Amino acid sequence: MIEIQSQMSERAVELLGLPEDRPCFLLDVGCGSGLSGDFISEEGHHWVGMDISSAMLDVAMEREVEGDLILADMGQGIPFRPGMFDGCVSISAVQWLCNADKKTHSPPKRLYRFFSTLYSALARGSRAILQLYPENSEQLELITAQAMKAGFTGGMVVDYPNSAKAKKFFLCLFVGTAGVLPKALGAECADGEESQHAKFTNERTRFRNAKGKSVKKSRDWVLEKKERRRRQGKEVRADTRYTGRKRRPRF
């Protein structure tokens, strides 16, 4: 696990595309025991780590990591002044914001709070690289939608997309610029297709059928939306045989 964590940390820092001629000041969200910070320090950069677990931060302090540490819940926002960091990395943390661990937790609101404050804390032109383990496509949609809403552009870089064990998801976010997504590792396709990443912009993506026509408000679209809201703990009207059909006007 330590070796895998170190490899993902190295890859995340690589995807940041940091300048080679000067040290940078980075934020490590969900820093845990400081394994990611070790690599950041080895590369000559400075960092601040934040984590929700005091036990993990105690381990980091016992290891005498070189970064500063802060106890904080990323779902409540990034507690730093605007433009403070030259970049951000996060390893296996952001997907936990999709869970409603308390009755007061709203995954969309916590994700938006995280992304909006992270956007503010990063310098213009910088990047955030968030490695995550999405549970399903709905989680990816929820996470990327809140990142877009907060102002980020970018997309998902998927290393080794055809490998069940080596496949890794990196959400690559740009601040204030529409950058080019880095090339994924092991993403070559036999048919020459580009499967290494899925890019998004600040324009809302629409559901489309095979002919490219929008099928928003269709029965399947409504049922999928209602199922996502149920998983988020929200109240949803019961399904009926008319679900998704166009309502008749009332007179």
C-alpha atoms as a PDB file:
ATOM      1  CA  MET A   1       0.000   0.000   0.000  1.00  0.00           C
ATOM      2  CA  ILE A   2       2.838   2.385   0.833  1.00  0.00           C
ATOM      3  CA  GLU A   3       4.460   1.694  -2.533  1.00  0.00           C
ATOM      4  CA  ILE A   4       1.178   2.253  -4.400  1.00  0.00           C
ATOM      5  CA  GLN A   5       0.532   5.474  -2.468  1.00  0.00           C
ATOM      6  CA  SER A   6       4.016   6.707  -3.300  1.00  0.00           C
ATOM      7  CA  GLN A   7       3.572   5.883  -6.994  1.00  0.00           C
ATOM      8  CA  MET A   8       0.255   7.733  -7.176  1.00  0.00           C
ATOM      9  CA  SER A   9       1.765  10.720  -5.365  1.00  0.00           C
ATOM     10  CA  GLU A  10       4.653  10.838  -7.831  1.00  0.00           C
ATOM     11  CA  ARG A  11       2.223  10.657 -10.744  1.00  0.00           C
ATOM     12  CA  ALA A  12       0.013  13.407  -9.281  1.00  0.00           C
ATOM     13  CA  VAL A  13       2.970  15.773  -8.867  1.00  0.00           C
ATOM     14  CA  GLU A  14       4.077  14.960 -12.419  1.00  0.00           C
ATOM     15  CA  LEU A  15       0.611  15.873 -13.749  1.00  0.00           C
ATOM     16  CA  LEU A  16       0.829  19.257 -11.996  1.00  0.00           C
ATOM     17  CA  GLY A  17       3.381  20.327 -14.608  1.00  0.00           C
ATOM     18  CA  LEU A  18       5.334  22.454 -12.135  1.00  0.00           C
ATOM     19  CA  PRO A  19       8.176  24.705 -13.310  1.00  0.00           C
ATOM     20  CA  GLU A  20      11.639  23.180 -12.917  1.00  0.00           C
ATOM     21  CA  ASP A  21      13.465  26.407 -12.151  1.00  0.00           C
ATOM     22  CA  ARG A  22      11.874  27.279  -8.803  1.00  0.00           C
ATOM     23  CA  PRO A  23      10.310  25.629  -5.732  1.00  0.00           C
ATOM     24  CA  CYS A  24       6.517  25.760  -5.433  1.00  0.00           C
ATOM     25  CA  PHE A  25       4.109  25.888  -2.515  1.00  0.00           C
ATOM     26  CA  LEU A  26       1.594  23.032  -2.687  1.00  0.00           C
ATOM     27  CA  LEU A  27      -1.485  21.861  -0.810  1.00  0.00           C
ATOM     28  CA  ASP A  28      -1.976  18.154  -0.050  1.00  0.00           C
ATOM     29  CA  VAL A  29      -5.661  17.454   0.657  1.00  0.00           C
ATOM     30  CA  GLY A  30      -6.215  14.266   2.651  1.00  0.00           C
ATOM     31  CA  CYS A  31      -2.488  14.057   3.388  1.00  0.00           C
ATOM     32  CA  GLY A  32      -2.818  11.166   5.864  1.00  0.00           C
ATOM     33  CA  SER A  33       0.555  10.170   7.270  1.00  0.00           C
ATOM     34  CA  GLY A  34       2.420  12.431   4.831  1.00  0.00           C
ATOM     35  CA  LEU A  35       3.563   9.952   2.167  1.00  0.00           C
ATOM     36  CA  SER A  36       2.649  12.330  -0.652  1.00  0.00           C
ATOM     37  CA  GLY A  37       4.415  15.132   1.165  1.00  0.00           C
ATOM     38  CA  ASP A  38       7.612  13.078   1.296  1.00  0.00           C
ATOM     39  CA  PHE A  39       7.801  13.049  -2.489  1.00  0.00           C
ATOM     40  CA  ILE A  40       6.903  16.742  -2.712  1.00  0.00           C
ATOM     41  CA  SER A  41       9.780  17.552  -0.347  1.00  0.00           C
ATOM     42  CA  GLU A  42      12.166  15.320  -2.297  1.00  0.00           C
ATOM     43  CA  GLU A  43      11.334  17.330  -5.413  1.00  0.00           C
ATOM     44  CA  GLY A  44      12.370  20.523  -3.636  1.00  0.00           C
ATOM     45  CA  HIS A  45       8.892  21.961  -3.094  1.00  0.00           C
ATOM     46  CA  HIS A  46       7.157  23.127   0.084  1.00  0.00           C
ATOM     47  CA  TRP A  47       3.740  21.940   1.194  1.00  0.00           C
ATOM     48  CA  VAL A  48       0.879  22.113   3.667  1.00  0.00           C
ATOM     49  CA  GLY A  49      -1.158  19.007   4.402  1.00  0.00           C
ATOM     50  CA  MET A  50      -4.725  18.835   5.676  1.00  0.00           C
ATOM     51  CA  ASP A  51      -6.644  15.784   6.863  1.00  0.00           C
ATOM     52  CA  ILE A  52      -9.823  15.005   8.803  1.00  0.00           C
ATOM     53  CA  SER A  53      -8.092  12.306  10.899  1.00  0.00           C
ATOM     54  CA  SER A  54      -6.114  13.506  13.904  1.00  0.00           C
ATOM     55  CA  ALA A  55      -4.656   9.995  14.262  1.00  0.00           C
ATOM     56  CA  MET A  56      -3.153  10.132  10.774  1.00  0.00           C
ATOM     57  CA  LEU A  57      -1.721  13.587  11.412  1.00  0.00           C
ATOM     58  CA  ASP A  58      -0.161  12.273  14.640  1.00  0.00           C
ATOM     59  CA  VAL A  59       1.573   9.588  12.578  1.00  0.00           C
ATOM     60  CA  ALA A  60       2.794  12.247  10.166  1.00  0.00           C
ATOM     61  CA  MET A  61       4.217  14.311  13.019  1.00  0.00           C
ATOM     62  CA  GLU A  62       5.921  11.234  14.472  1.00  0.00           C
ATOM     63  CA  ARG A  63       7.514  10.696  11.082  1.00  0.00           C
ATOM     64  CA  GLU A  64       8.735  14.310  11.237  1.00  0.00           C
ATOM     65  CA  VAL A  65       7.506  15.252   7.774  1.00  0.00           C
ATOM     66  CA  GLU A  66       8.751  18.555   6.400  1.00  0.00           C
ATOM     67  CA  GLY A  67       5.342  20.057   5.646  1.00  0.00           C
ATOM     68  CA  ASP A  68       2.972  21.956   7.903  1.00  0.00           C
ATOM     69  CA  LEU A  69      -0.150  20.053   8.989  1.00  0.00           C
ATOM     70  CA  ILE A  70      -3.709  21.158   9.714  1.00  0.00           C
ATOM     71  CA  LEU A  71      -6.724  19.230  11.009  1.00  0.00           C
ATOM     72  CA  ALA A  72      -9.696  20.069   8.782  1.00  0.00           C
ATOM     73  CA  ASP A  73     -12.686  18.555   6.988  1.00  0.00           C
ATOM     74  CA  MET A  74     -12.370  19.320   3.277  1.00  0.00           C
ATOM     75  CA  GLY A  75     -16.163  19.161   2.981  1.00  0.00           C
ATOM     76  CA  GLN A  76     -16.278  22.360   5.054  1.00  0.00           C
ATOM     77  CA  GLY A  77     -13.902  24.130   2.707  1.00  0.00           C
ATOM     78  CA  ILE A  78     -10.220  24.966   2.277  1.00  0.00           C
ATOM     79  CA  PRO A  79      -9.246  27.355   5.113  1.00  0.00           C
ATOM     80  CA  PHE A  80      -6.537  29.345   3.343  1.00  0.00           C
ATOM     81  CA  ARG A  81      -6.322  32.802   1.806  1.00  0.00           C
ATOM     82  CA  PRO A  82      -6.928  33.349  -1.927  1.00  0.00           C
ATOM     83  CA  GLY A  83      -4.140  32.528  -4.367  1.00  0.00           C
ATOM     84  CA  MET A  84      -1.943  30.999  -1.673  1.00  0.00           C
ATOM     85  CA  PHE A  85      -0.904  27.776  -3.435  1.00  0.00           C
ATOM     86  CA  ASP A  86       0.866  26.996  -6.703  1.00  0.00           C
ATOM     87  CA  GLY A  87      -0.935  23.665  -6.984  1.00  0.00           C
ATOM     88  CA  CYS A  88      -2.824  20.951  -5.141  1.00  0.00           C
ATOM     89  CA  VAL A  89      -2.622  17.170  -4.980  1.00  0.00           C
ATOM     90  CA  SER A  90      -4.988  14.741  -3.317  1.00  0.00           C
ATOM     91  CA  ILE A  91      -4.677  10.963  -3.151  1.00  0.00           C
ATOM     92  CA  SER A  92      -7.750   8.779  -2.578  1.00  0.00           C
ATOM     93  CA  ALA A  93      -9.747  11.413  -0.693  1.00  0.00           C
ATOM     94  CA  VAL A  94     -12.285  13.367  -2.755  1.00  0.00           C
ATOM     95  CA  GLN A  95     -14.645  10.415  -3.372  1.00  0.00           C
ATOM     96  CA  TRP A  96     -15.499  10.345   0.363  1.00  0.00           C
ATOM     97  CA  LEU A  97     -17.376  13.611  -0.082  1.00  0.00           C
ATOM     98  CA  CYS A  98     -19.962  11.649  -2.069  1.00  0.00           C
ATOM     99  CA  ASN A  99     -21.065   9.899   1.140  1.00  0.00           C
ATOM    100  CA  ALA A 100     -23.646  11.335   3.524  1.00  0.00           C
ATOM    101  CA  ASP A 101     -22.094  10.186   6.819  1.00  0.00           C
ATOM    102  CA  LYS A 102     -24.364  12.485   8.833  1.00  0.00           C
ATOM    103  CA  LYS A 103     -27.953  13.620   8.363  1.00  0.00           C
ATOM    104  CA  THR A 104     -26.690  17.155   7.862  1.00  0.00           C
ATOM    105  CA  HIS A 105     -24.327  16.115   5.059  1.00  0.00           C
ATOM    106  CA  SER A 106     -25.343  16.965   1.508  1.00  0.00           C
ATOM    107  CA  PRO A 107     -22.774  15.508  -0.963  1.00  0.00           C
ATOM    108  CA  PRO A 108     -23.408  18.129  -3.681  1.00  0.00           C
ATOM    109  CA  LYS A 109     -23.111  20.997  -1.192  1.00  0.00           C
ATOM    110  CA  ARG A 110     -19.969  19.587   0.452  1.00  0.00           C
ATOM    111  CA  LEU A 111     -18.351  18.972  -2.928  1.00  0.00           C
ATOM    112  CA  TYR A 112     -19.189  22.486  -4.115  1.00  0.00           C
ATOM    113  CA  ARG A 113     -17.872  23.986  -0.879  1.00  0.00           C
ATOM    114  CA  PHE A 114     -14.634  22.056  -1.321  1.00  0.00           C
ATOM    115  CA  PHE A 115     -14.134  22.935  -4.981  1.00  0.00           C
ATOM    116  CA  SER A 116     -15.138  26.609  -4.677  1.00  0.00           C
ATOM    117  CA  THR A 117     -12.759  27.261  -1.770  1.00  0.00           C
ATOM    118  CA  LEU A 118     -10.007  25.227  -3.445  1.00  0.00           C
ATOM    119  CA  TYR A 119     -10.405  27.328  -6.597  1.00  0.00           C
ATOM    120  CA  SER A 120      -9.982  30.461  -4.503  1.00  0.00           C
ATOM    121  CA  ALA A 121      -6.921  29.136  -2.650  1.00  0.00           C
ATOM    122  CA  LEU A 122      -5.043  28.323  -5.868  1.00  0.00           C
ATOM    123  CA  ALA A 123      -3.064  30.816  -7.922  1.00  0.00           C
ATOM    124  CA  ARG A 124      -4.377  31.619 -11.394  1.00  0.00           C
ATOM    125  CA  GLY A 125      -2.886  29.314 -14.020  1.00  0.00           C
ATOM    126  CA  SER A 126      -2.214  26.535 -11.509  1.00  0.00           C
ATOM    127  CA  ARG A 127      -3.587  22.994 -11.394  1.00  0.00           C
ATOM    128  CA  ALA A 128      -5.171  20.606  -8.921  1.00  0.00           C
ATOM    129  CA  ILE A 129      -4.621  16.873  -9.433  1.00  0.00           C
ATOM    130  CA  LEU A 130      -7.052  14.718  -7.477  1.00  0.00           C
ATOM    131  CA  GLN A 131      -6.575  10.948  -7.627  1.00  0.00           C
ATOM    132  CA  LEU A 132      -9.768   9.132  -6.729  1.00  0.00           C
ATOM    133  CA  TYR A 133     -11.509   5.767  -6.717  1.00  0.00           C
ATOM    134  CA  PRO A 134     -15.006   6.444  -8.088  1.00  0.00           C
ATOM    135  CA  GLU A 135     -17.651   3.948  -7.047  1.00  0.00           C
ATOM    136  CA  ASN A 136     -19.601   4.390 -10.278  1.00  0.00           C
ATOM    137  CA  SER A 137     -20.231   6.766 -13.174  1.00  0.00           C
ATOM    138  CA  GLU A 138     -22.792   8.695 -11.109  1.00  0.00           C
ATOM    139  CA  GLN A 139     -20.094   9.649  -8.599  1.00  0.00           C
ATOM    140  CA  LEU A 140     -17.841  10.863 -11.397  1.00  0.00           C
ATOM    141  CA  GLU A 141     -20.695  12.925 -12.803  1.00  0.00           C
ATOM    142  CA  LEU A 142     -21.464  14.437  -9.399  1.00  0.00           C
ATOM    143  CA  ILE A 143     -17.817  15.293  -8.684  1.00  0.00           C
ATOM    144  CA  THR A 144     -17.049  16.816 -12.083  1.00  0.00           C
ATOM    145  CA  ALA A 145     -20.322  18.755 -12.126  1.00  0.00           C
ATOM    146  CA  GLN A 146     -19.474  20.484  -8.820  1.00  0.00           C
ATOM    147  CA  ALA A 147     -15.912  21.194  -9.997  1.00  0.00           C
ATOM    148  CA  MET A 148     -17.299  22.850 -13.145  1.00  0.00           C
ATOM    149  CA  LYS A 149     -19.806  24.824 -11.105  1.00  0.00           C
ATOM    150  CA  ALA A 150     -16.944  26.158  -8.954  1.00  0.00           C
ATOM    151  CA  GLY A 151     -15.154  27.496 -12.045  1.00  0.00           C
ATOM    152  CA  PHE A 152     -12.637  24.772 -12.889  1.00  0.00           C
ATOM    153  CA  THR A 153     -11.963  23.458 -16.370  1.00  0.00           C
ATOM    154  CA  GLY A 154     -10.103  20.264 -17.150  1.00  0.00           C
ATOM    155  CA  GLY A 155     -11.064  16.607 -17.223  1.00  0.00           C
ATOM    156  CA  MET A 156     -10.335  13.063 -16.155  1.00  0.00           C
ATOM    157  CA  VAL A 157      -6.987  11.469 -16.999  1.00  0.00           C
ATOM    158  CA  VAL A 158      -7.250   7.675 -16.793  1.00  0.00           C
ATOM    159  CA  ASP A 159      -3.959   5.791 -16.642  1.00  0.00           C
ATOM    160  CA  TYR A 160      -3.963   2.209 -17.949  1.00  0.00           C
ATOM    161  CA  PRO A 161      -7.693   2.273 -18.799  1.00  0.00           C
ATOM    162  CA  ASN A 162      -7.682  -1.314 -20.054  1.00  0.00           C
ATOM    163  CA  SER A 163      -6.169  -2.809 -16.884  1.00  0.00           C
ATOM    164  CA  ALA A 164      -8.371  -3.879 -13.975  1.00  0.00           C
ATOM    165  CA  LYS A 165      -5.521  -3.603 -11.436  1.00  0.00           C
ATOM    166  CA  ALA A 166      -3.400  -0.722 -12.733  1.00  0.00           C
ATOM    167  CA  LYS A 167      -6.247   1.593 -13.811  1.00  0.00           C
ATOM    168  CA  LYS A 168      -6.077   4.937 -11.998  1.00  0.00           C
ATOM    169  CA  PHE A 169      -8.323   8.020 -12.207  1.00  0.00           C
ATOM    170  CA  PHE A 170      -6.820  11.513 -11.920  1.00  0.00           C
ATOM    171  CA  LEU A 171      -9.118  14.536 -12.020  1.00  0.00           C
ATOM    172  CA  CYS A 172      -6.978  17.248 -13.625  1.00  0.00           C
ATOM    173  CA  LEU A 173      -8.347  20.727 -12.895  1.00  0.00           C
ATOM    174  CA  PHE A 174      -7.172  24.070 -14.296  1.00  0.00           C
ATOM    175  CA  VAL A 175      -7.574  27.427 -12.555  1.00  0.00           C
ATOM    176  CA  GLY A 176      -8.329  30.439 -14.725  1.00  0.00           C
ATOM    177  CA  THR A 177      -7.100  28.819 -17.956  1.00  0.00           C
ATOM    178  CA  ALA A 178      -8.322  26.139 -20.343  1.00  0.00           C
ATOM    179  CA  GLY A 179      -5.206  23.973 -20.366  1.00  0.00           C
ATOM    180  CA  VAL A 180      -4.457  20.858 -22.413  1.00  0.00           C
ATOM    181  CA  LEU A 181      -4.957  17.622 -20.526  1.00  0.00           C
ATOM    182  CA  PRO A 182      -1.761  15.595 -19.992  1.00  0.00           C
ATOM    183  CA  LYS A 183      -1.490  12.310 -21.856  1.00  0.00           C
ATOM    184  CA  ALA A 184      -2.486   9.243 -19.864  1.00  0.00           C
ATOM    185  CA  LEU A 185      -0.184   6.275 -19.344  1.00  0.00           C
ATOM    186  CA  GLY A 186      -0.889   3.006 -21.162  1.00  0.00           C
ATOM    187  CA  ALA A 187      -3.830   4.516 -23.055  1.00  0.00           C
ATOM    188  CA  GLU A 188      -3.003   3.296 -26.557  1.00  0.00           C
ATOM    189  CA  CYS A 189      -6.000   1.744 -28.319  1.00  0.00           C
ATOM    190  CA  ALA A 190      -5.903  -0.840 -31.073  1.00  0.00           C
ATOM    191  CA  ASP A 191      -8.355   1.167 -33.182  1.00  0.00           C
ATOM    192  CA  GLY A 192      -6.440   4.405 -32.720  1.00  0.00           C
ATOM    193  CA  GLU A 193      -9.137   5.917 -30.520  1.00  0.00           C
ATOM    194  CA  GLU A 194      -8.259   8.324 -27.727  1.00  0.00           C
ATOM    195  CA  SER A 195      -9.560   6.739 -24.544  1.00  0.00           C
ATOM    196  CA  GLN A 196      -7.096   8.290 -22.123  1.00  0.00           C
ATOM    197  CA  HIS A 197      -9.278  11.128 -20.863  1.00  0.00           C
ATOM    198  CA  ALA A 198     -12.683  12.690 -20.830  1.00  0.00           C
ATOM    199  CA  LYS A 199     -12.593  16.485 -21.071  1.00  0.00           C
ATOM    200  CA  PHE A 200     -15.154  18.928 -19.754  1.00  0.00           C
ATOM    201  CA  THR A 201     -15.642  22.671 -19.901  1.00  0.00           C
ATOM    202  CA  ASN A 202     -17.888  25.064 -18.033  1.00  0.00           C
ATOM    203  CA  GLU A 203     -20.709  24.336 -20.478  1.00  0.00           C
ATOM    204  CA  ARG A 204     -23.288  21.909 -19.091  1.00  0.00           C
ATOM    205  CA  THR A 205     -23.155  18.475 -20.773  1.00  0.00           C
ATOM    206  CA  ARG A 206     -26.460  17.239 -22.154  1.00  0.00           C
ATOM    207  CA  PHE A 207     -27.728  13.667 -22.406  1.00  0.00           C
ATOM    208  CA  ARG A 208     -27.897  12.561 -26.034  1.00  0.00           C
ATOM    209  CA  ASN A 209     -29.112   9.523 -27.931  1.00  0.00           C
ATOM    210  CA  ALA A 210     -27.332   7.632 -30.695  1.00  0.00           C
ATOM    211  CA  LYS A 211     -28.318  10.253 -33.272  1.00  0.00           C
ATOM    212  CA  GLY A 212     -26.887  13.072 -31.174  1.00  0.00           C
ATOM    213  CA  LYS A 213     -30.288  14.493 -30.229  1.00  0.00           C
ATOM    214  CA  SER A 214     -30.964  15.566 -26.659  1.00  0.00           C
ATOM    215  CA  VAL A 215     -33.020  13.082 -24.642  1.00  0.00           C
ATOM    216  CA  LYS A 216     -33.181  15.239 -21.553  1.00  0.00           C
ATOM    217  CA  LYS A 217     -36.523  14.865 -19.701  1.00  0.00           C
ATOM    218  CA  SER A 218     -37.056  11.425 -21.241  1.00  0.00           C
ATOM    219  CA  ARG A 219     -38.357   8.653 -18.987  1.00  0.00           C
ATOM    220  CA  ASP A 220     -34.919   7.023 -18.616  1.00  0.00           C
ATOM    221  CA  TRP A 221     -33.306  10.397 -17.869  1.00  0.00           C
ATOM    222  CA  VAL A 222     -35.873  11.154 -15.147  1.00  0.00           C
ATOM    223  CA  LEU A 223     -35.520   7.699 -13.571  1.00  0.00           C
ATOM    224  CA  GLU A 224     -31.716   7.995 -13.471  1.00  0.00           C
ATOM    225  CA  LYS A 225     -31.949  11.441 -11.905  1.00  0.00           C
ATOM    226  CA  LYS A 226     -34.418  10.238  -9.265  1.00  0.00           C
ATOM    227  CA  GLU A 227     -32.179   7.270  -8.415  1.00  0.00           C
ATOM    228  CA  ARG A 228     -29.185   9.573  -7.908  1.00  0.00           C
ATOM    229  CA  ARG A 229     -31.236  11.780  -5.577  1.00  0.00           C
ATOM    230  CA  ARG A 230     -32.314   8.734  -3.557  1.00  0.00           C
ATOM    231  CA  ARG A 231     -28.679   7.698  -3.090  1.00  0.00           C
ATOM    232  CA  GLN A 232     -27.952  11.210  -1.849  1.00  0.00           C
ATOM    233  CA  GLY A 233     -30.653  10.840   0.801  1.00  0.00           C
ATOM    234  CA  LYS A 234     -33.063  13.329  -0.769  1.00  0.00           C
ATOM    235  CA  GLU A 235     -36.841  12.969  -0.894  1.00  0.00           C
ATOM    236  CA  VAL A 236     -38.091  11.804  -4.282  1.00  0.00           C
ATOM    237  CA  ARG A 237     -41.616  11.291  -5.582  1.00  0.00           C
ATOM    238  CA  ALA A 238     -42.634   7.680  -6.140  1.00  0.00           C
ATOM    239  CA  ASP A 239     -42.248   6.288  -9.654  1.00  0.00           C
ATOM    240  CA  THR A 240     -45.405   5.887 -11.728  1.00  0.00           C
ATOM    241  CA  ARG A 241     -46.143   4.448 -15.126  1.00  0.00           C
ATOM    242  CA  TYR A 242     -46.265   8.039 -16.376  1.00  0.00           C
ATOM    243  CA  THR A 243     -42.774   8.930 -15.059  1.00  0.00           C
ATOM    244  CA  GLY A 244     -40.853  10.819 -17.654  1.00  0.00           C
ATOM    245  CA  ARG A 245     -43.820  11.493 -19.932  1.00  0.00           C
ATOM    246  CA  LYS A 246     -44.825  14.986 -20.833  1.00  0.00           C
ATOM    247  CA  ARG A 247     -47.513  16.294 -18.536  1.00  0.00           C
ATOM    248  CA  ARG A 248     -50.801  17.447 -19.961  1.00  0.00           C
ATOM    249  CA  PRO A 249     -51.507  21.139 -19.486  1.00  0.00           C
ATOM    250  CA  ARG A 250     -53.939  22.045 -16.758  1.00  0.00           C
ATOM    251  CA  PHE A 251     -56.941  24.243 -17.574  1.00  0.00           C
END
